PDB file of N, CA and C in Angstrom:
ATOM      1  N   MET A   1     -31.115  94.230 162.104  1.00  0.00           N
ATOM      2  CA  MET A   1     -30.501  93.123 161.895  1.00  0.00           C
ATOM      3  C   MET A   1     -31.350  92.773 160.747  1.00  0.00           C
ATOM      4  N   SER A   2     -30.806  92.503 159.248  1.00  0.00           N
ATOM      5  CA  SER A   2     -31.759  92.322 158.450  1.00  0.00           C
ATOM      6  C   SER A   2     -30.870  90.862 157.300  1.00  0.00           C
ATOM      7  N   PHE A   3     -31.701  90.405 157.459  1.00  0.00           N
ATOM      8  CA  PHE A   3     -30.350  88.994 156.674  1.00  0.00           C
ATOM      9  C   PHE A   3     -30.952  89.144 154.582  1.00  0.00           C
ATOM     10  N   THR A   4     -29.815  88.969 154.105  1.00  0.00           N
ATOM     11  CA  THR A   4     -29.489  88.461 153.371  1.00  0.00           C
ATOM     12  C   THR A   4     -29.553  87.098 152.619  1.00  0.00           C
ATOM     13  N   ILE A   5     -30.307  87.502 151.221  1.00  0.00           N
ATOM     14  CA  ILE A   5     -30.582  85.898 150.838  1.00  0.00           C
ATOM     15  C   ILE A   5     -30.200  86.146 149.539  1.00  0.00           C
ATOM     16  N   ARG A   6     -28.959  85.482 148.692  1.00  0.00           N
ATOM     17  CA  ARG A   6     -28.666  85.987 147.909  1.00  0.00           C
ATOM     18  C   ARG A   6     -28.261  84.911 147.001  1.00  0.00           C
ATOM     19  N   THR A   7     -27.513  83.643 147.638  1.00  0.00           N
ATOM     20  CA  THR A   7     -27.221  82.441 146.905  1.00  0.00           C
ATOM     21  C   THR A   7     -27.890  81.302 147.762  1.00  0.00           C
ATOM     22  N   GLN A   8     -27.583  80.025 147.525  1.00  0.00           N
ATOM     23  CA  GLN A   8     -28.074  79.042 148.440  1.00  0.00           C
ATOM     24  C   GLN A   8     -27.195  78.862 149.423  1.00  0.00           C
ATOM     25  N   GLY A   9     -26.085  78.970 149.502  1.00  0.00           N
ATOM     26  CA  GLY A   9     -24.886  79.233 150.909  1.00  0.00           C
ATOM     27  C   GLY A   9     -26.149  80.550 152.107  1.00  0.00           C
ATOM     28  N   ASP A  10     -26.497  81.216 151.534  1.00  0.00           N
ATOM     29  CA  ASP A  10     -26.660  82.406 152.177  1.00  0.00           C
ATOM     30  C   ASP A  10     -28.517  81.855 152.902  1.00  0.00           C
ATOM     31  N   VAL A  11     -28.729  80.672 152.161  1.00  0.00           N
ATOM     32  CA  VAL A  11     -30.134  80.087 152.749  1.00  0.00           C
ATOM     33  C   VAL A  11     -29.339  79.213 153.558  1.00  0.00           C
ATOM     34  N   LEU A  12     -28.432  78.406 153.322  1.00  0.00           N
ATOM     35  CA  LEU A  12     -28.007  77.650 154.581  1.00  0.00           C
ATOM     36  C   LEU A  12     -27.291  78.239 156.073  1.00  0.00           C
ATOM     37  N   LYS A  13     -27.130  79.604 155.409  1.00  0.00           N
ATOM     38  CA  LYS A  13     -26.578  80.446 156.619  1.00  0.00           C
ATOM     39  C   LYS A  13     -27.917  80.552 157.731  1.00  0.00           C
ATOM     40  N   PHE A  14     -28.746  81.068 156.737  1.00  0.00           N
ATOM     41  CA  PHE A  14     -30.193  81.822 157.366  1.00  0.00           C
ATOM     42  C   PHE A  14     -30.761  80.350 158.338  1.00  0.00           C
ATOM     43  N   ALA A  15     -30.495  79.376 157.987  1.00  0.00           N
ATOM     44  CA  ALA A  15     -31.285  78.828 158.793  1.00  0.00           C
ATOM     45  C   ALA A  15     -30.894  78.433 160.359  1.00  0.00           C
ATOM     46  N   LEU A  16     -29.559  78.978 160.620  1.00  0.00           N
ATOM     47  CA  LEU A  16     -28.892  78.769 162.203  1.00  0.00           C
ATOM     48  C   LEU A  16     -29.931  80.416 162.981  1.00  0.00           C
ATOM     49  N   PRO A  17     -29.907  81.444 162.913  1.00  0.00           N
ATOM     50  CA  PRO A  17     -30.762  82.488 163.237  1.00  0.00           C
ATOM     51  C   PRO A  17     -32.301  81.929 163.042  1.00  0.00           C
ATOM     52  N   LEU A  18     -32.296  81.012 161.970  1.00  0.00           N
ATOM     53  CA  LEU A  18     -34.205  80.860 162.023  1.00  0.00           C
ATOM     54  C   LEU A  18     -34.153  80.178 163.573  1.00  0.00           C
ATOM     55  N   TYR A  19     -33.217  79.472 162.902  1.00  0.00           N
ATOM     56  CA  TYR A  19     -33.783  78.025 163.980  1.00  0.00           C
ATOM     57  C   TYR A  19     -33.608  78.537 165.700  1.00  0.00           C
ATOM     58  N   ASP A  20     -32.674  79.588 165.703  1.00  0.00           N
ATOM     59  CA  ASP A  20     -32.740  80.772 167.259  1.00  0.00           C
ATOM     60  C   ASP A  20     -33.731  80.676 167.645  1.00  0.00           C
ATOM     61  N   TYR A  21     -34.003  81.885 166.442  1.00  0.00           N
ATOM     62  CA  TYR A  21     -35.667  82.535 166.986  1.00  0.00           C
ATOM     63  C   TYR A  21     -36.980  81.546 167.533  1.00  0.00           C
ATOM     64  N   LEU A  22     -36.994  80.416 166.452  1.00  0.00           N
ATOM     65  CA  LEU A  22     -37.777  79.790 166.846  1.00  0.00           C
ATOM     66  C   LEU A  22     -37.607  79.105 167.957  1.00  0.00           C
ATOM     67  N   SER A  23     -36.475  78.563 168.896  1.00  0.00           N
ATOM     68  CA  SER A  23     -36.193  77.949 169.857  1.00  0.00           C
ATOM     69  C   SER A  23     -36.414  78.993 170.680  1.00  0.00           C
ATOM     70  N   GLN A  24     -36.073  80.226 170.791  1.00  0.00           N
ATOM     71  CA  GLN A  24     -36.101  80.402 171.771  1.00  0.00           C
ATOM     72  C   GLN A  24     -37.598  81.685 171.939  1.00  0.00           C
ATOM     73  N   ASN A  25     -38.466  81.242 171.111  1.00  0.00           N
ATOM     74  CA  ASN A  25     -40.066  81.970 170.941  1.00  0.00           C
ATOM     75  C   ASN A  25     -41.134  81.561 171.140  1.00  0.00           C
ATOM     76  N   GLY A  26     -40.406  79.844 171.288  1.00  0.00           N
ATOM     77  CA  GLY A  26     -42.303  78.505 171.860  1.00  0.00           C
ATOM     78  C   GLY A  26     -42.698  77.986 170.750  1.00  0.00           C
ATOM     79  N   HIS A  27     -41.395  77.743 169.721  1.00  0.00           N
ATOM     80  CA  HIS A  27     -41.359  77.116 168.361  1.00  0.00           C
ATOM     81  C   HIS A  27     -40.828  75.853 168.272  1.00  0.00           C
ATOM     82  N   VAL A  28     -40.771  75.073 169.735  1.00  0.00           N
ATOM     83  CA  VAL A  28     -39.877  74.098 170.084  1.00  0.00           C
ATOM     84  C   VAL A  28     -40.468  72.683 168.547  1.00  0.00           C
ATOM     85  N   GLU A  29     -41.498  72.632 168.031  1.00  0.00           N
ATOM     86  CA  GLU A  29     -41.905  71.555 167.178  1.00  0.00           C
ATOM     87  C   GLU A  29     -40.969  72.113 165.928  1.00  0.00           C
ATOM     88  N   GLU A  30     -40.950  73.509 165.341  1.00  0.00           N
ATOM     89  CA  GLU A  30     -40.444  73.579 164.315  1.00  0.00           C
ATOM     90  C   GLU A  30     -38.562  74.049 164.075  1.00  0.00           C
ATOM     91  N   ALA A  31     -38.904  73.982 165.323  1.00  0.00           N
ATOM     92  CA  ALA A  31     -36.982  74.235 165.358  1.00  0.00           C
ATOM     93  C   ALA A  31     -36.462  72.947 165.874  1.00  0.00           C
ATOM     94  N   ASN A  32     -37.059  72.144 166.161  1.00  0.00           N
ATOM     95  CA  ASN A  32     -36.592  70.308 166.370  1.00  0.00           C
ATOM     96  C   ASN A  32     -36.644  70.185 164.506  1.00  0.00           C
ATOM     97  N   ALA A  33     -37.543  70.344 164.032  1.00  0.00           N
ATOM     98  CA  ALA A  33     -37.614  69.703 162.397  1.00  0.00           C
ATOM     99  C   ALA A  33     -36.152  70.157 161.620  1.00  0.00           C
ATOM    100  N   LEU A  34     -36.385  71.839 161.669  1.00  0.00           N
ATOM    101  CA  LEU A  34     -34.988  72.118 161.055  1.00  0.00           C
ATOM    102  C   LEU A  34     -34.145  72.149 161.815  1.00  0.00           C
ATOM    103  N   VAL A  35     -33.698  71.873 163.205  1.00  0.00           N
ATOM    104  CA  VAL A  35     -31.630  71.216 163.663  1.00  0.00           C
ATOM    105  C   VAL A  35     -32.244  70.556 162.808  1.00  0.00           C
ATOM    106  N   LYS A  36     -33.258  69.074 162.572  1.00  0.00           N
ATOM    107  CA  LYS A  36     -32.583  67.520 161.845  1.00  0.00           C
ATOM    108  C   LYS A  36     -32.345  67.737 160.808  1.00  0.00           C
ATOM    109  N   VAL A  37     -32.990  68.960 159.504  1.00  0.00           N
ATOM    110  CA  VAL A  37     -32.246  69.667 158.627  1.00  0.00           C
ATOM    111  C   VAL A  37     -31.031  69.625 158.581  1.00  0.00           C
ATOM    112  N   VAL A  38     -31.041  70.838 159.286  1.00  0.00           N
ATOM    113  CA  VAL A  38     -29.331  70.826 159.639  1.00  0.00           C
ATOM    114  C   VAL A  38     -28.481  70.263 159.737  1.00  0.00           C
ATOM    115  N   ASP A  39     -28.279  68.848 160.305  1.00  0.00           N
ATOM    116  CA  ASP A  39     -27.887  68.209 161.156  1.00  0.00           C
ATOM    117  C   ASP A  39     -27.243  67.226 160.633  1.00  0.00           C
ATOM    118  N   SER A  40     -28.416  66.696 159.280  1.00  0.00           N
ATOM    119  CA  SER A  40     -28.749  65.770 158.419  1.00  0.00           C
ATOM    120  C   SER A  40     -26.861  65.807 157.237  1.00  0.00           C
ATOM    121  N   CYS A  41     -26.733  64.566 157.133  1.00  0.00           N
ATOM    122  CA  CYS A  41     -25.571  64.626 156.364  1.00  0.00           C
ATOM    123  C   CYS A  41     -26.372  64.318 154.933  1.00  0.00           C
ATOM    124  N   TYR A  42     -26.362  64.952 154.196  1.00  0.00           N
ATOM    125  CA  TYR A  42     -26.807  64.499 152.490  1.00  0.00           C
ATOM    126  C   TYR A  42     -25.822  64.376 151.264  1.00  0.00           C
ATOM    127  N   PRO A  43     -25.888  63.198 150.969  1.00  0.00           N
ATOM    128  CA  PRO A  43     -25.010  63.267 149.873  1.00  0.00           C
ATOM    129  C   PRO A  43     -24.611  63.833 148.646  1.00  0.00           C
ATOM    130  N   GLN A  44     -25.721  64.847 148.592  1.00  0.00           N
ATOM    131  CA  GLN A  44     -25.618  65.786 147.225  1.00  0.00           C
ATOM    132  C   GLN A  44     -26.372  67.384 148.115  1.00  0.00           C
ATOM    133  N   ASP A  45     -26.191  68.183 147.678  1.00  0.00           N
ATOM    134  CA  ASP A  45     -26.206  69.265 147.700  1.00  0.00           C
ATOM    135  C   ASP A  45     -27.520  69.771 147.119  1.00  0.00           C
ATOM    136  N   ALA A  46     -27.944  69.220 146.578  1.00  0.00           N
ATOM    137  CA  ALA A  46     -29.547  69.139 146.244  1.00  0.00           C
ATOM    138  C   ALA A  46     -30.557  68.687 146.937  1.00  0.00           C
ATOM    139  N   GLN A  47     -29.875  67.648 147.718  1.00  0.00           N
ATOM    140  CA  GLN A  47     -30.604  66.536 149.313  1.00  0.00           C
ATOM    141  C   GLN A  47     -31.201  67.826 149.825  1.00  0.00           C
ATOM    142  N   ALA A  48     -29.599  67.987 150.366  1.00  0.00           N
ATOM    143  CA  ALA A  48     -29.941  69.239 151.102  1.00  0.00           C
ATOM    144  C   ALA A  48     -30.711  70.689 151.175  1.00  0.00           C
ATOM    145  N   LEU A  49     -30.725  70.765 150.317  1.00  0.00           N
ATOM    146  CA  LEU A  49     -31.241  72.097 149.796  1.00  0.00           C
ATOM    147  C   LEU A  49     -32.906  71.550 149.832  1.00  0.00           C
ATOM    148  N   ASP A  50     -33.305  70.498 148.892  1.00  0.00           N
ATOM    149  CA  ASP A  50     -34.736  70.096 149.161  1.00  0.00           C
ATOM    150  C   ASP A  50     -35.279  70.136 150.397  1.00  0.00           C
ATOM    151  N   ALA A  51     -34.353  69.556 151.076  1.00  0.00           N
ATOM    152  CA  ALA A  51     -34.726  69.531 152.722  1.00  0.00           C
ATOM    153  C   ALA A  51     -35.116  70.889 153.547  1.00  0.00           C
ATOM    154  N   HIS A  52     -34.480  71.526 153.201  1.00  0.00           N
ATOM    155  CA  HIS A  52     -34.140  72.870 153.473  1.00  0.00           C
ATOM    156  C   HIS A  52     -36.037  73.768 153.309  1.00  0.00           C
ATOM    157  N   ARG A  53     -36.143  73.240 152.228  1.00  0.00           N
ATOM    158  CA  ARG A  53     -36.864  74.050 151.707  1.00  0.00           C
ATOM    159  C   ARG A  53     -38.447  73.618 152.018  1.00  0.00           C
ATOM    160  N   ARG A  54     -38.154  72.139 152.204  1.00  0.00           N
ATOM    161  CA  ARG A  54     -39.245  71.277 153.117  1.00  0.00           C
ATOM    162  C   ARG A  54     -39.580  72.084 154.326  1.00  0.00           C
ATOM    163  N   ALA A  55     -38.585  71.929 155.157  1.00  0.00           N
ATOM    164  CA  ALA A  55     -38.634  72.621 156.065  1.00  0.00           C
ATOM    165  C   ALA A  55     -38.796  74.206 156.320  1.00  0.00           C
ATOM    166  N   PHE A  56     -38.057  74.992 155.662  1.00  0.00           N
ATOM    167  CA  PHE A  56     -38.459  76.164 155.767  1.00  0.00           C
ATOM    168  C   PHE A  56     -40.547  76.586 154.918  1.00  0.00           C
ATOM    169  N   LYS A  57     -40.830  75.740 154.587  1.00  0.00           N
ATOM    170  CA  LYS A  57     -41.922  75.843 153.722  1.00  0.00           C
ATOM    171  C   LYS A  57     -43.197  75.463 154.803  1.00  0.00           C
ATOM    172  N   LYS A  58     -42.614  74.400 156.054  1.00  0.00           N
ATOM    173  CA  LYS A  58     -43.727  74.172 156.914  1.00  0.00           C
ATOM    174  C   LYS A  58     -43.794  75.153 158.013  1.00  0.00           C
ATOM    175  N   ILE A  59     -42.332  75.738 158.496  1.00  0.00           N
ATOM    176  CA  ILE A  59     -42.445  76.782 159.161  1.00  0.00           C
ATOM    177  C   ILE A  59     -43.334  78.355 158.915  1.00  0.00           C
ATOM    178  N   ARG A  60     -43.484  78.721 157.517  1.00  0.00           N
ATOM    179  CA  ARG A  60     -44.032  79.718 156.787  1.00  0.00           C
ATOM    180  C   ARG A  60     -45.406  79.356 157.049  1.00  0.00           C
ATOM    181  N   GLU A  61     -45.726  78.396 156.812  1.00  0.00           N
ATOM    182  CA  GLU A  61     -47.105  77.997 157.098  1.00  0.00           C
ATOM    183  C   GLU A  61     -47.831  77.402 158.500  1.00  0.00           C
ATOM    184  N   THR A  62     -46.446  77.458 159.301  1.00  0.00           N
ATOM    185  CA  THR A  62     -47.531  77.106 160.854  1.00  0.00           C
ATOM    186  C   THR A  62     -46.551  78.363 161.678  1.00  0.00           C
ATOM    187  N   VAL A  63     -46.006  79.341 161.456  1.00  0.00           N
ATOM    188  CA  VAL A  63     -45.828  80.424 162.280  1.00  0.00           C
ATOM    189  C   VAL A  63     -45.963  81.250 161.658  1.00  0.00           C
ATOM    190  N   HIS A  64     -46.975  81.990 162.625  1.00  0.00           N
ATOM    191  CA  HIS A  64     -47.600  83.299 162.298  1.00  0.00           C
ATOM    192  C   HIS A  64     -47.214  84.411 162.715  1.00  0.00           C
ATOM    193  N   ASP A  65     -46.011  84.498 163.737  1.00  0.00           N
ATOM    194  CA  ASP A  65     -45.425  85.198 164.222  1.00  0.00           C
ATOM    195  C   ASP A  65     -43.987  85.567 163.963  1.00  0.00           C
ATOM    196  N   LEU A  66     -43.413  85.128 163.763  1.00  0.00           N
ATOM    197  CA  LEU A  66     -42.126  85.710 162.562  1.00  0.00           C
ATOM    198  C   LEU A  66     -42.173  87.338 162.206  1.00  0.00           C
ATOM    199  N   PRO A  67     -41.209  87.837 163.004  1.00  0.00           N
ATOM    200  CA  PRO A  67     -40.817  89.589 162.666  1.00  0.00           C
ATOM    201  C   PRO A  67     -40.023  89.435 161.427  1.00  0.00           C
ATOM    202  N   SER A  68     -41.107  90.844 160.869  1.00  0.00           N
ATOM    203  CA  SER A  68     -40.890  90.462 159.260  1.00  0.00           C
ATOM    204  C   SER A  68     -39.687  90.638 158.807  1.00  0.00           C
ATOM    205  N   ARG A  69     -38.369  90.519 159.423  1.00  0.00           N
ATOM    206  CA  ARG A  69     -37.023  90.523 158.930  1.00  0.00           C
ATOM    207  C   ARG A  69     -36.545  88.838 158.422  1.00  0.00           C
ATOM    208  N   TYR A  70     -37.225  88.074 159.042  1.00  0.00           N
ATOM    209  CA  TYR A  70     -37.385  87.060 159.392  1.00  0.00           C
ATOM    210  C   TYR A  70     -38.481  86.432 157.734  1.00  0.00           C
ATOM    211  N   LEU A  71     -39.092  86.881 158.172  1.00  0.00           N
ATOM    212  CA  LEU A  71     -40.533  86.371 157.628  1.00  0.00           C
ATOM    213  C   LEU A  71     -39.615  86.474 155.558  1.00  0.00           C
ATOM    214  N   LEU A  72     -38.960  87.977 155.350  1.00  0.00           N
ATOM    215  CA  LEU A  72     -38.578  88.301 154.307  1.00  0.00           C
ATOM    216  C   LEU A  72     -37.803  87.555 153.921  1.00  0.00           C
ATOM    217  N   ALA A  73     -36.966  87.135 154.526  1.00  0.00           N
ATOM    218  CA  ALA A  73     -35.677  86.153 154.605  1.00  0.00           C
ATOM    219  C   ALA A  73     -36.111  84.910 154.005  1.00  0.00           C
ATOM    220  N   LEU A  74     -37.238  84.566 154.777  1.00  0.00           N
ATOM    221  CA  LEU A  74     -37.375  83.152 154.498  1.00  0.00           C
ATOM    222  C   LEU A  74     -38.429  83.025 153.621  1.00  0.00           C
ATOM    223  N   ASP A  75     -39.256  84.368 153.243  1.00  0.00           N
ATOM    224  CA  ASP A  75     -39.681  84.269 151.395  1.00  0.00           C
ATOM    225  C   ASP A  75     -38.926  84.121 150.649  1.00  0.00           C
ATOM    226  N   ASP A  76     -37.757  84.874 150.824  1.00  0.00           N
ATOM    227  CA  ASP A  76     -36.300  85.160 149.668  1.00  0.00           C
ATOM    228  C   ASP A  76     -35.693  83.984 149.704  1.00  0.00           C
ATOM    229  N   ALA A  77     -35.417  82.947 150.760  1.00  0.00           N
ATOM    230  CA  ALA A  77     -35.366  81.924 150.608  1.00  0.00           C
ATOM    231  C   ALA A  77     -36.003  80.157 150.338  1.00  0.00           C
ATOM    232  N   LEU A  78     -37.450  80.671 150.648  1.00  0.00           N
ATOM    233  CA  LEU A  78     -38.065  79.694 149.857  1.00  0.00           C
ATOM    234  C   LEU A  78     -38.255  80.111 148.088  1.00  0.00           C
ATOM    235  N   GLY A  79     -38.044  81.293 147.441  1.00  0.00           N
ATOM    236  CA  GLY A  79     -38.087  81.878 146.661  1.00  0.00           C
ATOM    237  C   GLY A  79     -36.796  81.013 145.246  1.00  0.00           C
ATOM    238  N   MET A  80     -35.480  81.329 145.770  1.00  0.00           N
ATOM    239  CA  MET A  80     -34.446  80.555 145.934  1.00  0.00           C
ATOM    240  C   MET A  80     -34.310  79.631 146.018  1.00  0.00           C
ATOM    241  N   LEU A  81     -35.245  78.444 146.700  1.00  0.00           N
ATOM    242  CA  LEU A  81     -34.801  77.224 146.222  1.00  0.00           C
ATOM    243  C   LEU A  81     -36.211  76.762 145.445  1.00  0.00           C
ATOM    244  N   SER A  82     -36.883  77.568 145.307  1.00  0.00           N
ATOM    245  CA  SER A  82     -38.077  77.076 144.582  1.00  0.00           C
ATOM    246  C   SER A  82     -37.414  77.025 142.647  1.00  0.00           C
ATOM    247  N   GLU A  83     -36.857  77.441 142.946  1.00  0.00           N
ATOM    248  CA  GLU A  83     -36.033  77.819 141.146  1.00  0.00           C
ATOM    249  C   GLU A  83     -35.484  76.865 140.756  1.00  0.00           C
TER     250      GLU A  83
END
């Protein structure tokens, strides 16, 4: 299964399977940080996307054993969020 990241909505949807992977594979701290971002209520979409960008960036920097499909989707999401 691969993840397609073409829209900001895809970025937000990717957070759930990424959380599942992290929580099931011993990355509890990163999973908890991501769930806090997803569960937060932001008054504007831009704030939510910025929070996802920060969480994804931290995951990219600290989790070194992501499977390639997660890594590619994470890089695509970060690319979209930095535009």
